[in-house]
Amino acid sequence: MTTTLPYADDQLIDATMARALHTDACRDHALVAWVVLFDLPAYPERYAARLVTSGDPPFPYLLLADSLAGIRDMLPPGLDRSERHAGDPPEIIEMWLTG
């Protein structure tokens, strides 16, 4: 399921679609990751995970959940967690990378 929203190019997806998009991205890109964010202007007080790749933006696919555990449960299996770095924007919580 993909839902188009009026927030730039964001497309809300569910966990099933996330797995399919992740699999496709891994075929075409050297780097595939999910960036976990919190409290974005368009999604206040919610957690989001955006699929990003080594390709050019935009990166429109977005998972949304009310909790960090909820967002983690929606991510594709087999990813490795990376802590946020000091230079990351404050909305970034963590990243999940293909192992």
C-alpha atoms as a PDB file:
ATOM      1  CA  MET A   1       0.000   0.000   0.000  1.00  0.00           C
ATOM      2  CA  THR A   2       1.347   3.416  -0.957  1.00  0.00           C
ATOM      3  CA  THR A   3      -0.384   6.650   0.046  1.00  0.00           C
ATOM      4  CA  THR A   4       0.524   9.947  -1.573  1.00  0.00           C
ATOM      5  CA  LEU A   5       0.392  12.903   0.820  1.00  0.00           C
ATOM      6  CA  PRO A   6       0.449  16.657   0.304  1.00  0.00           C
ATOM      7  CA  TYR A   7       3.872  16.936   1.993  1.00  0.00           C
ATOM      8  CA  ALA A   8       6.421  17.456  -0.762  1.00  0.00           C
ATOM      9  CA  ASP A   9       6.958  14.058  -2.393  1.00  0.00           C
ATOM     10  CA  ASP A  10       6.396  11.859   0.684  1.00  0.00           C
ATOM     11  CA  GLN A  11       4.645   8.561   0.089  1.00  0.00           C
ATOM     12  CA  LEU A  12       3.550   6.668   3.188  1.00  0.00           C
ATOM     13  CA  ILE A  13       4.136   2.955   2.907  1.00  0.00           C
ATOM     14  CA  ASP A  14       3.497  -0.059   5.113  1.00  0.00           C
ATOM     15  CA  ALA A  15       5.950  -2.760   6.234  1.00  0.00           C
ATOM     16  CA  THR A  16       5.124  -5.056   3.303  1.00  0.00           C
ATOM     17  CA  MET A  17       5.823  -2.316   0.776  1.00  0.00           C
ATOM     18  CA  ALA A  18       8.996  -1.360   2.692  1.00  0.00           C
ATOM     19  CA  ARG A  19      10.349  -4.896   2.274  1.00  0.00           C
ATOM     20  CA  ALA A  20       9.580  -4.903  -1.462  1.00  0.00           C
ATOM     21  CA  LEU A  21      11.107  -1.456  -2.040  1.00  0.00           C
ATOM     22  CA  HIS A  22      14.156  -2.394   0.036  1.00  0.00           C
ATOM     23  CA  THR A  23      14.721  -5.553  -2.019  1.00  0.00           C
ATOM     24  CA  ASP A  24      14.448  -3.594  -5.273  1.00  0.00           C
ATOM     25  CA  ALA A  25      16.798  -0.870  -3.992  1.00  0.00           C
ATOM     26  CA  CYS A  26      19.426  -3.455  -2.993  1.00  0.00           C
ATOM     27  CA  ARG A  27      19.539  -4.699  -6.596  1.00  0.00           C
ATOM     28  CA  ASP A  28      20.264  -1.244  -8.011  1.00  0.00           C
ATOM     29  CA  HIS A  29      22.281   0.642  -5.374  1.00  0.00           C
ATOM     30  CA  ALA A  30      25.568   0.162  -3.521  1.00  0.00           C
ATOM     31  CA  LEU A  31      24.149   1.789  -0.378  1.00  0.00           C
ATOM     32  CA  VAL A  32      20.647   1.202   0.988  1.00  0.00           C
ATOM     33  CA  ALA A  33      19.594   2.493   4.405  1.00  0.00           C
ATOM     34  CA  TRP A  34      16.602   3.510   6.491  1.00  0.00           C
ATOM     35  CA  VAL A  35      17.024   6.770   8.384  1.00  0.00           C
ATOM     36  CA  VAL A  36      14.876   6.907  11.527  1.00  0.00           C
ATOM     37  CA  LEU A  37      13.636  10.402  12.362  1.00  0.00           C
ATOM     38  CA  PHE A  38      11.474  11.986  15.043  1.00  0.00           C
ATOM     39  CA  ASP A  39       9.189  15.013  15.111  1.00  0.00           C
ATOM     40  CA  LEU A  40       9.413  16.117  11.495  1.00  0.00           C
ATOM     41  CA  PRO A  41       7.415  19.304  10.762  1.00  0.00           C
ATOM     42  CA  ALA A  42       4.910  17.372   8.630  1.00  0.00           C
ATOM     43  CA  TYR A  43       4.635  14.548  11.211  1.00  0.00           C
ATOM     44  CA  PRO A  44       4.920  16.105  14.701  1.00  0.00           C
ATOM     45  CA  GLU A  45       5.524  13.800  17.664  1.00  0.00           C
ATOM     46  CA  ARG A  46       5.790  10.748  15.370  1.00  0.00           C
ATOM     47  CA  TYR A  47       8.628   8.504  14.334  1.00  0.00           C
ATOM     48  CA  ALA A  48       9.420   8.090  10.666  1.00  0.00           C
ATOM     49  CA  ALA A  49      11.833   5.937   8.676  1.00  0.00           C
ATOM     50  CA  ARG A  50      12.884   7.110   5.221  1.00  0.00           C
ATOM     51  CA  LEU A  51      14.426   4.801   2.627  1.00  0.00           C
ATOM     52  CA  VAL A  52      17.628   6.349   1.252  1.00  0.00           C
ATOM     53  CA  THR A  53      20.053   4.993  -1.341  1.00  0.00           C
ATOM     54  CA  SER A  54      23.300   5.872  -3.046  1.00  0.00           C
ATOM     55  CA  GLY A  55      21.195   7.257  -5.915  1.00  0.00           C
ATOM     56  CA  ASP A  56      20.030  10.829  -6.321  1.00  0.00           C
ATOM     57  CA  PRO A  57      17.156  12.222  -4.220  1.00  0.00           C
ATOM     58  CA  PRO A  58      14.260  12.547  -3.802  1.00  0.00           C
ATOM     59  CA  PHE A  59      13.696   9.703  -1.373  1.00  0.00           C
ATOM     60  CA  PRO A  60       9.900   9.729  -1.052  1.00  0.00           C
ATOM     61  CA  TYR A  61       9.182   6.454   0.790  1.00  0.00           C
ATOM     62  CA  LEU A  62       8.332   6.882   4.445  1.00  0.00           C
ATOM     63  CA  LEU A  63       7.148   4.618   7.261  1.00  0.00           C
ATOM     64  CA  LEU A  64       5.322   6.276  10.195  1.00  0.00           C
ATOM     65  CA  ALA A  65       4.721   5.028  13.743  1.00  0.00           C
ATOM     66  CA  ASP A  66       3.846   6.417  17.167  1.00  0.00           C
ATOM     67  CA  SER A  67       6.860   4.807  18.858  1.00  0.00           C
ATOM     68  CA  LEU A  68      10.471   3.942  18.127  1.00  0.00           C
ATOM     69  CA  ALA A  69       9.692   0.263  18.739  1.00  0.00           C
ATOM     70  CA  GLY A  70       6.826   0.524  16.254  1.00  0.00           C
ATOM     71  CA  ILE A  71       9.065   1.964  13.538  1.00  0.00           C
ATOM     72  CA  ARG A  72      11.743  -0.664  14.191  1.00  0.00           C
ATOM     73  CA  ASP A  73       9.132  -3.428  13.831  1.00  0.00           C
ATOM     74  CA  MET A  74       8.224  -2.108  10.376  1.00  0.00           C
ATOM     75  CA  LEU A  75      11.783  -2.084   8.998  1.00  0.00           C
ATOM     76  CA  PRO A  76      12.892  -4.891   6.681  1.00  0.00           C
ATOM     77  CA  PRO A  77      14.729  -7.746   8.440  1.00  0.00           C
ATOM     78  CA  GLY A  78      18.498  -8.202   8.362  1.00  0.00           C
ATOM     79  CA  LEU A  79      19.583  -4.580   8.840  1.00  0.00           C
ATOM     80  CA  ASP A  80      22.436  -3.343  11.045  1.00  0.00           C
ATOM     81  CA  ARG A  81      21.786  -0.415  13.398  1.00  0.00           C
ATOM     82  CA  SER A  82      24.048   2.633  13.432  1.00  0.00           C
ATOM     83  CA  GLU A  83      23.876   5.304  16.135  1.00  0.00           C
ATOM     84  CA  ARG A  84      23.391   8.916  15.113  1.00  0.00           C
ATOM     85  CA  HIS A  85      26.559  10.985  14.691  1.00  0.00           C
ATOM     86  CA  ALA A  86      27.284  14.301  16.391  1.00  0.00           C
ATOM     87  CA  GLY A  87      26.970  16.184  13.086  1.00  0.00           C
ATOM     88  CA  ASP A  88      23.570  14.694  12.180  1.00  0.00           C
ATOM     89  CA  PRO A  89      20.509  16.948  12.204  1.00  0.00           C
ATOM     90  CA  PRO A  90      18.630  16.697  15.533  1.00  0.00           C
ATOM     91  CA  GLU A  91      15.643  14.882  13.990  1.00  0.00           C
ATOM     92  CA  ILE A  92      17.811  11.862  13.091  1.00  0.00           C
ATOM     93  CA  ILE A  93      17.564   9.151  15.756  1.00  0.00           C
ATOM     94  CA  GLU A  94      19.483   6.292  14.101  1.00  0.00           C
ATOM     95  CA  MET A  95      20.175   4.584  10.781  1.00  0.00           C
ATOM     96  CA  TRP A  96      19.636   1.009   9.699  1.00  0.00           C
ATOM     97  CA  LEU A  97      21.954  -0.247   6.951  1.00  0.00           C
ATOM     98  CA  THR A  98      22.010  -3.293   4.750  1.00  0.00           C
ATOM     99  CA  GLY A  99      24.454  -5.763   6.287  1.00  0.00           C
END
